[in-house]
C-alpha cells in the first residue's frame, strides 16, 4: 500500500468507452448520536463525493449537506476541464455560504471524484480520502490536510501511529473554515477493472489499508461497500463512517 505520490498510470486506449457503477453507504457509528457525514452518488454524470461535518462544531451535519447540495447542482459536462471547473466552483460556493452564515458557524471536509471518458480527477479539502484499487494494489490518491499528516511528512509518525494519535481528527483545511479555501487536486487515467473509494475519516481512521484493500478486491460493489462499513464498526466505530465505492468497466 503506497501513500500519496504522483500518479503514473498508463492510459486506457482512447477508443475505450468506460462504464461506471457505484454504491454509497453511511452509518452514524457506535459512539456518536448524530451522523454529520453526507455523500453524493451520481454515476450518470461521473460525479461522487463524501463530506464530513467538522466534529466539535455546531451543526456539522448542515455543513456537509450544504457541500453535497452545491455539488448536486453540477450538470453533465462536455469535457473534463468543464467538469473540474463546475465542481471546484460548487465547493467554493458552499464555502462562501458557510462562511457568510454566522448562525450556523460550521464546516466540513470534502473529497470529490470526477470521471470523464477514461480520465478521473479528485478534488479535496481536509482528511476525507480517495483510494484507487488496481490490479491487486491499493493507492491512496489524496493527502490529508491535517495535523497528524504534517507529522507523518516530517517523519515524526508512521501512518499507523497517525491513525491512533489523539489529535488525528484535527484538520488544517476545510470548507467553511475561512473565506479563502484552497483545494488540492490530482488526476490520472482510468482502466477497466479499477475500483475507487471515497471515504470519511471514520473509515480511514479505523482500518489499516490492507483491510481496505481486502474489501475492495471482492465483488459485488454492494458487498465491498457494506463490508467496509461493517469492519469499521467492528473496529470500534468511534466516528460516523461513510463510503462510496466506484467500479470501472
Protein backbone atom coordinates (compact mmCIF):
# COMPACT_ATOMS: atom_id res chain seq x y z
CA UNK A 1 0.00 0.00 0.00
CA UNK A 2 1.51 3.28 -1.07
CA UNK A 3 0.96 6.67 0.48
CA UNK A 4 0.24 9.71 -1.67
CA UNK A 5 2.56 10.12 -4.64
CA UNK A 6 2.28 11.47 -8.20
CA UNK A 7 0.21 9.22 -10.46
CA UNK A 8 1.99 7.42 -13.28
CA UNK A 9 -0.74 5.10 -14.52
CA UNK A 10 -0.81 4.18 -18.19
CA UNK A 11 -3.70 5.41 -20.27
CA UNK A 12 -6.52 3.22 -21.46
CA UNK A 13 -6.92 3.24 -25.25
CA UNK A 14 -8.77 6.37 -26.32
CA UNK A 15 -11.39 4.31 -28.11
CA UNK A 16 -12.47 2.58 -24.92
CA UNK A 17 -15.87 3.54 -23.52
CA UNK A 18 -15.87 3.07 -19.76
CA UNK A 19 -18.94 2.43 -17.65
CA UNK A 20 -19.25 3.46 -14.01
CA UNK A 21 -21.18 1.63 -11.32
CA UNK A 22 -21.27 2.91 -7.74
CA UNK A 23 -22.64 2.29 -4.26
CA UNK A 24 -22.75 4.59 -1.24
CA UNK A 25 -23.18 3.70 2.42
CA UNK A 26 -23.18 5.77 5.61
CA UNK A 27 -23.59 4.93 9.31
CA UNK A 28 -23.67 7.01 12.46
CA UNK A 29 -21.14 4.68 14.14
CA UNK A 30 -21.19 3.18 17.63
CA UNK A 31 -20.36 6.30 19.66
CA UNK A 32 -21.98 9.34 18.08
CA UNK A 33 -25.70 10.11 18.10
CA UNK A 34 -25.71 12.39 15.03
CA UNK A 35 -24.43 11.50 11.57
CA UNK A 36 -22.55 14.54 10.27
CA UNK A 37 -21.42 12.77 7.08
CA UNK A 38 -23.09 13.11 3.68
CA UNK A 39 -22.34 11.66 0.28
CA UNK A 40 -23.16 12.18 -3.38
CA UNK A 41 -23.62 9.30 -5.84
CA UNK A 42 -24.18 10.46 -9.45
CA UNK A 43 -22.71 7.81 -11.76
CA UNK A 44 -24.83 9.12 -14.66
CA UNK A 45 -22.58 12.21 -14.90
CA UNK A 46 -19.44 10.72 -13.36
CA UNK A 47 -19.50 12.60 -10.05
CA UNK A 48 -19.20 11.32 -6.49
CA UNK A 49 -18.34 12.97 -3.17
CA UNK A 50 -18.06 12.46 0.57
CA UNK A 51 -18.36 15.35 3.02
CA UNK A 52 -17.72 15.13 6.76
CA UNK A 53 -19.08 17.78 9.10
CA UNK A 54 -16.33 19.01 11.38
CA UNK A 55 -16.59 17.43 14.84
CA UNK A 56 -16.97 19.89 17.68
CA UNK A 57 -18.69 22.49 15.50
CA UNK A 58 -22.37 23.37 15.75
CA UNK A 59 -24.49 21.69 13.08
CA UNK A 60 -21.69 19.91 11.26
CA UNK A 61 -24.41 17.86 9.58
CA UNK A 62 -25.72 21.01 7.91
CA UNK A 63 -22.25 21.87 6.63
CA UNK A 64 -21.80 18.50 4.96
CA UNK A 65 -25.29 18.74 3.48
CA UNK A 66 -24.54 22.21 2.11
CA UNK A 67 -21.48 20.84 0.30
CA UNK A 68 -23.45 17.94 -1.20
CA UNK A 69 -26.32 20.22 -2.19
CA UNK A 70 -23.90 22.50 -4.02
CA UNK A 71 -22.48 19.53 -5.93
CA UNK A 72 -25.98 18.33 -6.81
CA UNK A 73 -26.20 21.44 -8.99
CA UNK A 74 -23.35 20.27 -11.23
CA UNK A 75 -24.53 19.29 -14.71
CA UNK A 76 -23.21 16.83 -17.29
CA UNK A 77 -20.06 18.28 -18.85
CA UNK A 78 -18.74 18.21 -22.42
CA UNK A 79 -15.15 17.99 -21.22
CA UNK A 80 -13.05 17.01 -18.21
CA UNK A 81 -11.97 20.64 -17.86
CA UNK A 82 -15.55 21.88 -17.69
CA UNK A 83 -16.45 19.21 -15.11
CA UNK A 84 -13.46 20.15 -12.98
CA UNK A 85 -14.38 23.84 -13.13
CA UNK A 86 -18.00 23.18 -12.19
CA UNK A 87 -17.08 21.05 -9.19
CA UNK A 88 -14.42 23.46 -7.93
CA UNK A 89 -16.83 26.37 -8.27
CA UNK A 90 -19.59 24.47 -6.44
CA UNK A 91 -17.32 23.72 -3.49
CA UNK A 92 -16.18 27.35 -3.38
CA UNK A 93 -19.84 28.49 -3.35
CA UNK A 94 -20.54 26.13 -0.47
CA UNK A 95 -17.56 27.61 1.36
CA UNK A 96 -18.78 31.16 0.77
CA UNK A 97 -22.26 30.26 2.01
CA UNK A 98 -20.98 28.62 5.19
CA UNK A 99 -18.55 31.43 5.98
CA UNK A 100 -21.28 34.01 5.44
CA UNK A 101 -23.78 32.27 7.74
CA UNK A 102 -22.84 33.38 11.25
CA UNK A 103 -25.77 31.44 12.74
CA UNK A 104 -24.53 28.03 11.60
CA UNK A 105 -20.77 28.54 12.13
CA UNK A 106 -19.95 25.09 10.75
CA UNK A 107 -17.55 23.45 8.34
CA UNK A 108 -16.89 20.19 6.54
CA UNK A 109 -14.14 18.27 4.83
CA UNK A 110 -14.82 17.10 1.29
CA UNK A 111 -13.41 14.78 -1.34
CA UNK A 112 -14.98 14.72 -4.81
CA UNK A 113 -14.29 12.33 -7.67
CA UNK A 114 -14.95 13.22 -11.30
CA UNK A 115 -14.79 10.78 -14.21
CA UNK A 116 -14.90 11.80 -17.88
CA UNK A 117 -14.30 9.19 -20.58
CA UNK A 118 -11.07 7.49 -19.47
CA UNK A 119 -9.82 10.15 -17.05
CA UNK A 120 -10.51 10.97 -13.42
CA UNK A 121 -9.82 13.89 -11.11
CA UNK A 122 -10.06 14.16 -7.31
CA UNK A 123 -10.60 17.47 -5.57
CA UNK A 124 -10.41 17.72 -1.80
CA UNK A 125 -10.01 19.76 1.36
CA UNK A 126 -9.45 18.14 4.75
CA UNK A 127 -8.98 14.48 5.64
CA UNK A 128 -11.73 12.73 3.71
CA UNK A 129 -9.87 10.42 1.33
CA UNK A 130 -9.84 8.82 -2.10
CA UNK A 131 -8.17 5.50 -2.94
CA UNK A 132 -7.64 3.59 -6.16
CA UNK A 133 -7.56 -0.21 -6.19
CA UNK A 134 -5.98 -1.59 -9.37
CA UNK A 135 -4.51 -5.00 -10.22
CA UNK A 136 -4.35 -6.10 -6.60
CA UNK A 137 -2.72 -2.90 -5.26
CA UNK A 138 -4.24 -0.04 -3.27
CA UNK A 139 -3.03 3.51 -3.90
CA UNK A 140 -4.05 6.47 -1.78
CA UNK A 141 -4.82 9.37 -4.12
CA UNK A 142 -5.24 12.18 -1.59
CA UNK A 143 -3.02 13.67 1.06
CA UNK A 144 -4.73 14.69 4.30
CA UNK A 145 -4.83 18.33 5.30
CA UNK A 146 -4.35 17.50 8.96
CA UNK A 147 -2.10 17.96 11.97
CA UNK A 148 -1.00 14.32 12.03
CA UNK A 149 -0.28 14.27 8.27
CA UNK A 150 2.21 17.06 8.83
CA UNK A 151 3.89 14.91 11.50
CA UNK A 152 3.95 11.95 9.10
CA UNK A 153 5.51 14.12 6.40
CA UNK A 154 8.16 15.25 8.88
CA UNK A 155 8.99 11.65 9.76
CA UNK A 156 7.74 12.02 13.33
CA UNK A 157 4.90 9.49 12.96
CA UNK A 158 4.15 6.41 10.89
CA UNK A 159 0.79 6.11 9.13
CA UNK A 160 -0.31 3.56 11.73
CA UNK A 161 0.69 5.84 14.61
CA UNK A 162 -1.13 8.72 12.95
CA UNK A 163 -4.39 6.76 12.94
CA UNK A 164 -4.15 6.34 16.72
CA UNK A 165 -2.87 9.82 17.58
CA UNK A 166 -5.10 11.82 19.99
CA UNK A 167 -5.15 14.73 17.51
CA UNK A 168 -5.92 12.57 14.48
CA UNK A 169 -9.17 14.47 13.88
CA UNK A 170 -7.57 17.95 13.75
CA UNK A 171 -7.78 19.22 10.17
CA UNK A 172 -5.88 22.18 8.75
CA UNK A 173 -8.19 22.85 5.82
CA UNK A 174 -11.99 22.55 5.42
CA UNK A 175 -14.98 24.01 3.61
CA UNK A 176 -16.40 26.82 5.74
CA UNK A 177 -13.29 27.27 7.86
CA UNK A 178 -12.46 30.67 6.37
CA UNK A 179 -13.11 32.99 3.42
CA UNK A 180 -10.15 31.70 1.44
CA UNK A 181 -10.41 27.97 0.61
CA UNK A 182 -7.55 26.20 -1.14
CA UNK A 183 -8.49 22.94 -2.83
CA UNK A 184 -5.96 20.30 -3.83
CA UNK A 185 -6.44 18.03 -6.80
CA UNK A 186 -4.91 15.06 -8.55
CA UNK A 187 -5.81 13.39 -11.84
CA UNK A 188 -4.99 10.31 -13.86
CA UNK A 189 -6.16 7.69 -16.32
CA UNK A 190 -8.82 5.06 -15.68
CA UNK A 191 -8.76 1.42 -16.70
CA UNK A 192 -11.45 -1.22 -16.85
CA UNK A 193 -11.42 -3.17 -13.60
CA UNK A 194 -10.42 -0.20 -11.43
CA UNK A 195 -12.21 0.40 -8.15
CA UNK A 196 -12.18 3.79 -6.47
CA UNK A 197 -13.13 4.54 -2.89
CA UNK A 198 -14.15 7.82 -1.30
CA UNK A 199 -14.45 7.78 2.49
CA UNK A 200 -14.68 9.88 5.61
CA UNK A 201 -12.06 9.54 8.33
CA UNK A 202 -14.49 7.34 10.21
CA UNK A 203 -13.27 4.60 7.87
CA UNK A 204 -9.64 5.51 7.24
CA UNK A 205 -9.10 6.24 10.94
CA UNK A 206 -10.31 2.80 11.95
CA UNK A 207 -8.96 0.44 9.28
CA UNK A 208 -5.47 -0.30 8.01
CA UNK A 209 -5.03 -0.05 4.24
CA UNK A 210 -4.55 -3.82 3.97
CA UNK A 211 -8.08 -4.29 5.36
CA UNK A 212 -9.48 -1.68 2.97
CA UNK A 213 -7.78 -3.38 0.01
CA UNK A 214 -9.14 -6.78 1.02
CA UNK A 215 -12.70 -5.47 0.90
CA UNK A 216 -12.28 -3.61 -2.39
CA UNK A 217 -10.94 -6.63 -4.24
CA UNK A 218 -14.17 -8.53 -3.68
CA UNK A 219 -17.32 -8.40 -5.79
CA UNK A 220 -20.04 -7.18 -5.94
CA UNK A 221 -19.74 -3.47 -5.17
CA UNK A 222 -22.58 -3.61 -2.66
CA UNK A 223 -20.71 -6.24 -0.69
CA UNK A 224 -17.48 -4.24 -0.73
CA UNK A 225 -19.17 -1.04 0.46
CA UNK A 226 -21.13 -2.73 3.25
CA UNK A 227 -18.12 -4.75 4.35
CA UNK A 228 -16.03 -1.60 4.73
CA UNK A 229 -18.69 -0.05 6.95
CA UNK A 230 -19.15 -3.25 8.96
CA UNK A 231 -15.41 -3.67 9.54
CA UNK A 232 -15.14 -0.06 10.69
CA UNK A 233 -17.95 -0.63 13.19
CA UNK A 234 -16.35 -3.87 14.37
CA UNK A 235 -13.10 -1.97 14.95
CA UNK A 236 -14.89 0.39 17.32
CA UNK A 237 -16.99 2.70 15.15
CA UNK A 238 -15.74 5.75 17.02
CA UNK A 239 -16.95 8.17 14.34
CA UNK A 240 -19.53 8.43 11.58
CA UNK A 241 -18.42 6.27 8.66
CA UNK A 242 -19.24 6.89 5.01
CA UNK A 243 -18.03 5.20 1.84
CA UNK A 244 -18.68 5.50 -1.87
CA UNK A 245 -17.26 2.67 -3.99
CA UNK A 246 -16.99 3.17 -7.76
CA UNK A 247 -16.37 0.33 -10.18
CA UNK A 248 -15.00 0.93 -13.69
CA UNK A 249 -16.00 -1.40 -16.51
